[in-house]
Amino acid sequence: MMNNRYKKALKKIKKAKKILLVTHAKPDGDAISSICAMMHILDTLGKDYLAYCKDPAPEQLLFLPKTEQIVNNKESFKFADFDLIISLDCGQIARTNLLDEIINRNGHQKFIEIDHHEKIENLADIEIRISGTSSTAEVVYNFIKANKIKINKKIANCILTGILTDTSNFLYPSTTDKTIQIASEMLLYGAKYPQITEETYRNKSFGAMKLWGKAISNNDINKN
């Protein structure tokens, strides 16, 4: 069933004249990695698109190519110009800052949702959701493989970054043997594991470290 959705989504993408990609406000590693991966996929398909996120990408993710192309002001484009909207890693569509536009979209405008969170709403024309998967980046990988899209080094870097940041370097229970297999495959395609971990895991700002310190200092130990 999901395989059919992957293929239907690709047909919609190929048919679309102009595509709007969107991810959630205050984006994390998986959000930015997923939208950047999709941008590279659309490049390989020769599609006209624009990527939008209400907030800028975190500084530690700017090493990913195409982050500079993500616009942060929705007044800079016309929603009506797009005949296909694709959300990535949004959970709740309100987090896109485009909820009203998506709900009230024109009849010719189609909406594809790609996510790994539990379902909350029913707004998409095509919903590609695998709850409990390590990351939306892993769902994007499944879309790529189901449609036999060629993976290049840039796509591989995005997929691996999304997986690593959303599993805290494979520490979370959502990490499966398939997650590890996908990560290994991305390395074979040229993803740079040392750079990704240096930028996203080790490279913490002073402000972020102070925030972690406050959080840890407020912890209580439950002896039970």
Protein backbone atom coordinates (compact mmCIF):
# COMPACT_ATOMS: atom_id res chain seq x y z
CA MET A 1 0.00 0.00 0.00
CA MET A 2 2.74 2.47 0.95
CA ASN A 3 4.66 1.55 -2.20
CA ASN A 4 1.66 2.71 -4.26
CA ARG A 5 1.64 6.02 -2.38
CA TYR A 6 5.32 6.56 -3.16
CA LYS A 7 4.61 6.03 -6.84
CA LYS A 8 1.48 8.21 -6.82
CA ALA A 9 3.46 10.98 -5.14
CA LEU A 10 6.14 10.80 -7.82
CA LYS A 11 3.48 11.04 -10.54
CA LYS A 12 2.08 14.17 -8.89
CA ILE A 13 5.59 15.62 -8.66
CA LYS A 14 6.35 14.93 -12.32
CA LYS A 15 3.02 16.42 -13.38
CA ALA A 16 3.34 19.56 -11.25
CA LYS A 17 4.42 22.82 -12.86
CA LYS A 18 5.54 24.54 -9.65
CA ILE A 19 6.12 22.90 -6.27
CA LEU A 20 6.22 24.41 -2.78
CA LEU A 21 8.25 22.52 -0.17
CA VAL A 22 7.65 23.35 3.46
CA THR A 23 8.81 22.14 6.85
CA HIS A 24 8.01 23.14 10.42
CA ALA A 25 8.92 26.35 12.24
CA LYS A 26 12.00 26.26 14.47
CA PRO A 27 13.38 23.45 12.29
CA ASP A 28 15.57 20.68 13.68
CA GLY A 29 18.11 18.52 11.89
CA ASP A 30 15.55 16.12 10.44
CA ALA A 31 13.36 18.94 9.11
CA ILE A 32 16.20 20.74 7.34
CA SER A 33 17.79 17.52 6.10
CA SER A 34 14.49 16.25 4.68
CA ILE A 35 13.60 19.46 2.86
CA CYS A 36 17.14 19.77 1.46
CA ALA A 37 17.08 16.13 0.31
CA MET A 38 13.78 16.77 -1.47
CA MET A 39 15.23 19.88 -3.11
CA HIS A 40 18.06 17.79 -4.53
CA ILE A 41 15.56 15.15 -5.71
CA LEU A 42 13.52 17.80 -7.50
CA ASP A 43 16.72 19.08 -9.11
CA THR A 44 17.39 15.63 -10.55
CA LEU A 45 13.82 15.60 -11.91
CA GLY A 46 14.20 19.08 -13.41
CA LYS A 47 11.30 20.56 -11.43
CA ASP A 48 10.54 24.19 -10.63
CA TYR A 49 10.18 24.61 -6.86
CA LEU A 50 10.55 26.88 -3.85
CA ALA A 51 11.40 25.81 -0.29
CA TYR A 52 9.91 27.64 2.70
CA CYS A 53 10.37 27.50 6.44
CA LYS A 54 9.12 30.17 8.83
CA ASP A 55 12.45 30.22 10.70
CA PRO A 56 16.05 30.02 9.43
CA ALA A 57 17.99 26.78 9.59
CA PRO A 58 20.10 26.40 12.76
CA GLU A 59 23.68 27.52 12.27
CA GLN A 60 25.08 24.00 12.76
CA LEU A 61 23.08 22.78 9.73
CA LEU A 62 24.27 25.41 7.27
CA PHE A 63 26.92 23.00 5.99
CA LEU A 64 24.13 21.19 4.10
CA PRO A 65 23.92 22.44 0.51
CA LYS A 66 20.73 24.32 -0.37
CA THR A 67 19.96 25.59 3.14
CA GLU A 68 20.69 29.06 1.73
CA GLN A 69 17.81 28.63 -0.74
CA ILE A 70 15.14 28.15 1.93
CA VAL A 71 13.05 31.33 2.21
CA ASN A 72 11.70 32.42 5.59
CA ASN A 73 9.15 35.07 4.61
CA LYS A 74 5.88 33.81 3.14
CA GLU A 75 5.14 37.31 1.88
CA SER A 76 7.93 36.78 -0.65
CA PHE A 77 5.87 34.32 -2.71
CA LYS A 78 2.28 33.69 -3.75
CA PHE A 79 0.81 30.45 -2.45
CA ALA A 80 -1.64 30.39 -5.36
CA ASP A 81 1.26 30.05 -7.83
CA PHE A 82 1.94 26.47 -6.73
CA ASP A 83 -0.02 23.48 -7.95
CA LEU A 84 1.67 21.04 -5.55
CA ILE A 85 2.60 21.52 -1.90
CA ILE A 86 4.80 19.00 -0.07
CA SER A 87 5.25 19.18 3.70
CA LEU A 88 8.10 17.35 5.39
CA ASP A 89 8.43 16.42 9.08
CA CYS A 90 5.62 18.74 10.15
CA GLY A 91 3.59 16.65 12.60
CA GLN A 92 0.88 19.29 12.87
CA ILE A 93 0.34 21.31 9.69
CA ALA A 94 -0.12 24.48 11.78
CA ARG A 95 3.64 24.33 12.35
CA THR A 96 4.19 25.14 8.67
CA ASN A 97 2.75 28.65 9.20
CA LEU A 98 0.61 27.86 6.14
CA LEU A 99 -2.35 26.10 7.75
CA ASP A 100 -5.03 28.47 6.41
CA GLU A 101 -3.52 28.40 2.93
CA ILE A 102 -3.38 24.60 2.88
CA ILE A 103 -6.91 24.15 4.24
CA ASN A 104 -8.31 26.70 1.77
CA ARG A 105 -6.19 25.67 -1.21
CA ASN A 106 -7.71 25.74 -4.69
CA GLY A 107 -9.10 22.55 -6.19
CA HIS A 108 -6.15 22.13 -8.56
CA GLN A 109 -3.60 22.45 -5.74
CA LYS A 110 -2.58 19.05 -4.38
CA PHE A 111 -0.98 18.43 -1.00
CA ILE A 112 1.47 15.64 -0.14
CA GLU A 113 2.49 15.03 3.47
CA ILE A 114 5.74 13.17 4.26
CA ASP A 115 6.29 12.46 7.94
CA HIS A 116 7.24 9.98 10.67
CA HIS A 117 5.07 11.33 13.50
CA GLU A 118 1.71 9.95 14.63
CA LYS A 119 -1.23 11.10 12.51
CA ILE A 120 -3.19 14.05 13.88
CA GLU A 121 -4.99 15.57 10.88
CA ASN A 122 -6.46 14.47 7.59
CA LEU A 123 -5.55 17.23 5.16
CA ALA A 124 -3.33 15.56 2.59
CA ASP A 125 -4.28 14.28 -0.85
CA ILE A 126 -1.43 11.79 -0.50
CA GLU A 127 -0.15 10.93 2.96
CA ILE A 128 3.25 9.26 3.22
CA ARG A 129 3.54 8.60 6.93
CA ILE A 130 5.47 5.84 8.70
CA SER A 131 4.94 6.42 12.41
CA GLY A 132 7.74 5.24 14.63
CA THR A 133 10.37 5.42 11.89
CA SER A 134 13.67 6.93 13.03
CA SER A 135 13.17 10.13 11.04
CA THR A 136 11.41 11.77 8.13
CA ALA A 137 14.76 11.46 6.34
CA GLU A 138 14.32 7.69 6.49
CA VAL A 139 10.83 8.05 4.97
CA VAL A 140 12.33 10.20 2.19
CA TYR A 141 14.87 7.42 1.61
CA ASN A 142 12.02 4.92 1.21
CA PHE A 143 10.39 7.26 -1.33
CA ILE A 144 13.68 7.43 -3.25
CA LYS A 145 14.19 3.66 -3.31
CA ALA A 146 10.57 2.85 -4.22
CA ASN A 147 10.81 5.17 -7.24
CA LYS A 148 14.37 4.14 -8.24
CA ILE A 149 15.65 7.71 -7.97
CA LYS A 150 19.42 8.00 -8.20
CA ILE A 151 21.14 8.93 -4.93
CA ASN A 152 24.07 11.32 -5.18
CA LYS A 153 26.52 12.49 -2.52
CA LYS A 154 24.42 15.54 -1.61
CA ILE A 155 21.24 13.51 -1.10
CA ALA A 156 23.21 10.96 0.92
CA ASN A 157 24.58 13.69 3.19
CA CYS A 158 21.06 14.98 3.83
CA ILE A 159 19.58 11.55 4.56
CA LEU A 160 22.40 10.61 6.95
CA THR A 161 22.20 14.00 8.73
CA GLY A 162 18.46 13.60 9.26
CA ILE A 163 18.89 10.10 10.68
CA LEU A 164 21.79 11.02 12.96
CA THR A 165 20.16 14.14 14.39
CA ASP A 166 16.78 12.52 15.00
CA THR A 167 18.27 9.42 16.65
CA SER A 168 20.99 11.29 18.58
CA ASN A 169 23.63 9.26 16.74
CA PHE A 170 21.64 5.97 16.93
CA LEU A 171 20.94 6.25 20.69
CA TYR A 172 17.12 6.40 20.52
CA PRO A 173 14.87 3.30 20.47
CA SER A 174 13.51 4.35 17.05
CA THR A 175 16.85 3.19 15.60
CA THR A 176 16.33 -0.15 13.85
CA ASP A 177 18.51 -2.50 11.86
CA LYS A 178 17.06 -0.86 8.73
CA THR A 179 18.09 2.57 10.03
CA ILE A 180 21.67 1.33 10.42
CA GLN A 181 21.56 -0.26 6.97
CA ILE A 182 20.37 3.00 5.39
CA ALA A 183 23.10 4.96 7.19
CA SER A 184 25.73 2.51 5.93
CA GLU A 185 24.39 2.83 2.40
CA MET A 186 24.61 6.62 2.60
CA LEU A 187 28.28 6.30 3.53
CA LEU A 188 28.81 4.25 0.39
CA TYR A 189 27.24 7.08 -1.61
CA GLY A 190 29.73 9.53 -0.14
CA ALA A 191 27.99 10.97 2.95
CA LYS A 192 30.56 12.49 5.31
CA TYR A 193 29.91 11.00 8.74
CA PRO A 194 32.83 12.80 10.48
CA GLN A 195 31.71 16.21 9.17
CA ILE A 196 28.06 15.59 10.07
CA THR A 197 28.85 14.56 13.64
CA GLU A 198 31.31 17.43 14.05
CA GLU A 199 28.78 20.00 12.85
CA THR A 200 25.65 18.65 14.54
CA TYR A 201 26.79 16.74 17.62
CA ARG A 202 30.05 18.24 18.82
CA ASN A 203 29.57 21.81 17.62
CA LYS A 204 27.40 23.26 20.39
CA SER A 205 27.04 27.01 20.87
CA PHE A 206 27.79 28.57 24.25
CA GLY A 207 24.13 29.52 24.57
CA ALA A 208 23.01 25.95 23.91
CA MET A 209 25.43 24.60 26.51
CA LYS A 210 24.10 27.11 29.09
CA LEU A 211 20.55 26.00 28.28
CA TRP A 212 21.50 22.34 28.79
CA GLY A 213 23.13 23.30 32.08
CA LYS A 214 19.92 24.94 33.30
CA ALA A 215 17.86 21.94 32.23
CA ILE A 216 20.16 19.46 33.95
CA SER A 217 20.37 21.55 37.13
CA ASN A 218 16.57 21.46 37.39
CA ASN A 219 16.41 17.66 37.17
CA ASP A 220 15.20 15.64 40.11
CA ILE A 221 16.23 12.08 40.91
CA ASN A 222 13.37 9.66 41.44
CA LYS A 223 14.81 6.90 43.64
CA ASN A 224 11.90 4.63 42.70
